[in-house]
Amino acid sequence: MKHHFLHAFLWVSMSWLVNYAYSFHIGVPIHTIIRSSNVVATLVIGIAATTWIYMRLQPMYAAQATVLVAASP
């Protein structure tokens, strides 16, 4: 349960920081790309700050979601 709360804290922190980007008056498409990278950033911080080990497909799916959002028109 401790890991769940830590992961939730990381997710909320990243969401708050991404929403803070609006104060810099960036466009919605750029904000969407930054927002989609939240998943990847949470995985990286989770690996760096803890001893979490993700299944091989989880980081791949996170990266795929970021690439697909960045490539969408």
C-alpha atoms as a PDB file:
ATOM      1  CA  MET A   1       0.000   0.000   0.000  1.00  0.00           C
ATOM      2  CA  LYS A   2       2.954   2.309   0.707  1.00  0.00           C
ATOM      3  CA  HIS A   3       4.072   2.041  -2.926  1.00  0.00           C
ATOM      4  CA  HIS A   4       0.592   2.950  -4.122  1.00  0.00           C
ATOM      5  CA  PHE A   5       0.599   6.164  -2.105  1.00  0.00           C
ATOM      6  CA  LEU A   6       4.082   7.054  -3.321  1.00  0.00           C
ATOM      7  CA  HIS A   7       3.055   6.466  -6.927  1.00  0.00           C
ATOM      8  CA  ALA A   8      -0.099   8.538  -6.398  1.00  0.00           C
ATOM      9  CA  PHE A   9       2.005  11.332  -4.873  1.00  0.00           C
ATOM     10  CA  LEU A  10       4.367  11.286  -7.857  1.00  0.00           C
ATOM     11  CA  TRP A  11       1.424  11.370 -10.270  1.00  0.00           C
ATOM     12  CA  VAL A  12      -0.254  14.305  -8.515  1.00  0.00           C
ATOM     13  CA  SER A  13       3.048  16.183  -8.288  1.00  0.00           C
ATOM     14  CA  MET A  14       3.715  15.754 -11.994  1.00  0.00           C
ATOM     15  CA  SER A  15       0.138  16.773 -12.827  1.00  0.00           C
ATOM     16  CA  TRP A  16       0.503  19.908 -10.733  1.00  0.00           C
ATOM     17  CA  LEU A  17       3.775  20.825 -12.421  1.00  0.00           C
ATOM     18  CA  VAL A  18       2.331  20.253 -15.882  1.00  0.00           C
ATOM     19  CA  ASN A  19      -0.685  22.417 -15.078  1.00  0.00           C
ATOM     20  CA  TYR A  20       1.728  25.086 -13.833  1.00  0.00           C
ATOM     21  CA  ALA A  21       2.959  25.281 -17.429  1.00  0.00           C
ATOM     22  CA  TYR A  22      -0.204  27.228 -18.306  1.00  0.00           C
ATOM     23  CA  SER A  23       1.212  30.190 -16.392  1.00  0.00           C
ATOM     24  CA  PHE A  24       3.862  30.471 -19.139  1.00  0.00           C
ATOM     25  CA  HIS A  25       1.125  31.000 -21.760  1.00  0.00           C
ATOM     26  CA  ILE A  26       2.034  28.032 -23.924  1.00  0.00           C
ATOM     27  CA  GLY A  27      -0.327  26.663 -26.555  1.00  0.00           C
ATOM     28  CA  VAL A  28      -2.693  23.777 -25.958  1.00  0.00           C
ATOM     29  CA  PRO A  29      -0.895  21.397 -28.398  1.00  0.00           C
ATOM     30  CA  ILE A  30       2.406  21.883 -26.574  1.00  0.00           C
ATOM     31  CA  HIS A  31       0.648  21.485 -23.237  1.00  0.00           C
ATOM     32  CA  THR A  32      -0.887  18.219 -24.458  1.00  0.00           C
ATOM     33  CA  ILE A  33       2.535  16.873 -25.381  1.00  0.00           C
ATOM     34  CA  ILE A  34       3.940  17.873 -22.002  1.00  0.00           C
ATOM     35  CA  ARG A  35       0.912  16.367 -20.281  1.00  0.00           C
ATOM     36  CA  SER A  36       1.325  13.054 -22.113  1.00  0.00           C
ATOM     37  CA  SER A  37       4.955  12.840 -21.034  1.00  0.00           C
ATOM     38  CA  ASN A  38       3.694  12.828 -17.441  1.00  0.00           C
ATOM     39  CA  VAL A  39       3.346   9.039 -17.687  1.00  0.00           C
ATOM     40  CA  VAL A  40       6.956   8.598 -18.769  1.00  0.00           C
ATOM     41  CA  ALA A  41       8.222  11.029 -16.141  1.00  0.00           C
ATOM     42  CA  THR A  42       6.362   9.182 -13.399  1.00  0.00           C
ATOM     43  CA  LEU A  43       7.942   5.911 -14.515  1.00  0.00           C
ATOM     44  CA  VAL A  44      11.433   7.421 -14.594  1.00  0.00           C
ATOM     45  CA  ILE A  45      11.056   9.031 -11.172  1.00  0.00           C
ATOM     46  CA  GLY A  46       9.604   5.810  -9.809  1.00  0.00           C
ATOM     47  CA  ILE A  47      12.636   3.865 -11.012  1.00  0.00           C
ATOM     48  CA  ALA A  48      15.164   6.488  -9.889  1.00  0.00           C
ATOM     49  CA  ALA A  49      13.668   7.282  -6.480  1.00  0.00           C
ATOM     50  CA  THR A  50      12.558   3.806  -5.452  1.00  0.00           C
ATOM     51  CA  THR A  51      13.389   0.187  -6.097  1.00  0.00           C
ATOM     52  CA  TRP A  52      10.348  -0.334  -8.294  1.00  0.00           C
ATOM     53  CA  ILE A  53      10.764  -2.753 -11.153  1.00  0.00           C
ATOM     54  CA  TYR A  54       8.309  -2.421 -14.007  1.00  0.00           C
ATOM     55  CA  MET A  55       7.319  -5.170 -16.375  1.00  0.00           C
ATOM     56  CA  ARG A  56       9.016  -4.834 -19.752  1.00  0.00           C
ATOM     57  CA  LEU A  57       5.845  -3.670 -21.504  1.00  0.00           C
ATOM     58  CA  GLN A  58       4.871  -0.906 -19.059  1.00  0.00           C
ATOM     59  CA  PRO A  59       7.594   1.616 -20.030  1.00  0.00           C
ATOM     60  CA  MET A  60       7.064   0.744 -23.684  1.00  0.00           C
ATOM     61  CA  TYR A  61       3.347   1.530 -23.426  1.00  0.00           C
ATOM     62  CA  ALA A  62       4.075   4.806 -21.639  1.00  0.00           C
ATOM     63  CA  ALA A  63       6.535   5.860 -24.333  1.00  0.00           C
ATOM     64  CA  GLN A  64       4.105   4.780 -27.059  1.00  0.00           C
ATOM     65  CA  ALA A  65       1.344   6.932 -25.562  1.00  0.00           C
ATOM     66  CA  THR A  66       3.663   9.949 -25.523  1.00  0.00           C
ATOM     67  CA  VAL A  67       4.782   9.400 -29.123  1.00  0.00           C
ATOM     68  CA  LEU A  68       1.216   8.942 -30.360  1.00  0.00           C
ATOM     69  CA  VAL A  69       0.013  12.134 -28.681  1.00  0.00           C
ATOM     70  CA  ALA A  70       3.000  14.078 -29.999  1.00  0.00           C
ATOM     71  CA  ALA A  71       2.423  12.742 -33.543  1.00  0.00           C
ATOM     72  CA  SER A  72      -1.318  13.382 -33.640  1.00  0.00           C
ATOM     73  CA  PRO A  73      -2.486  16.369 -35.694  1.00  0.00           C
END
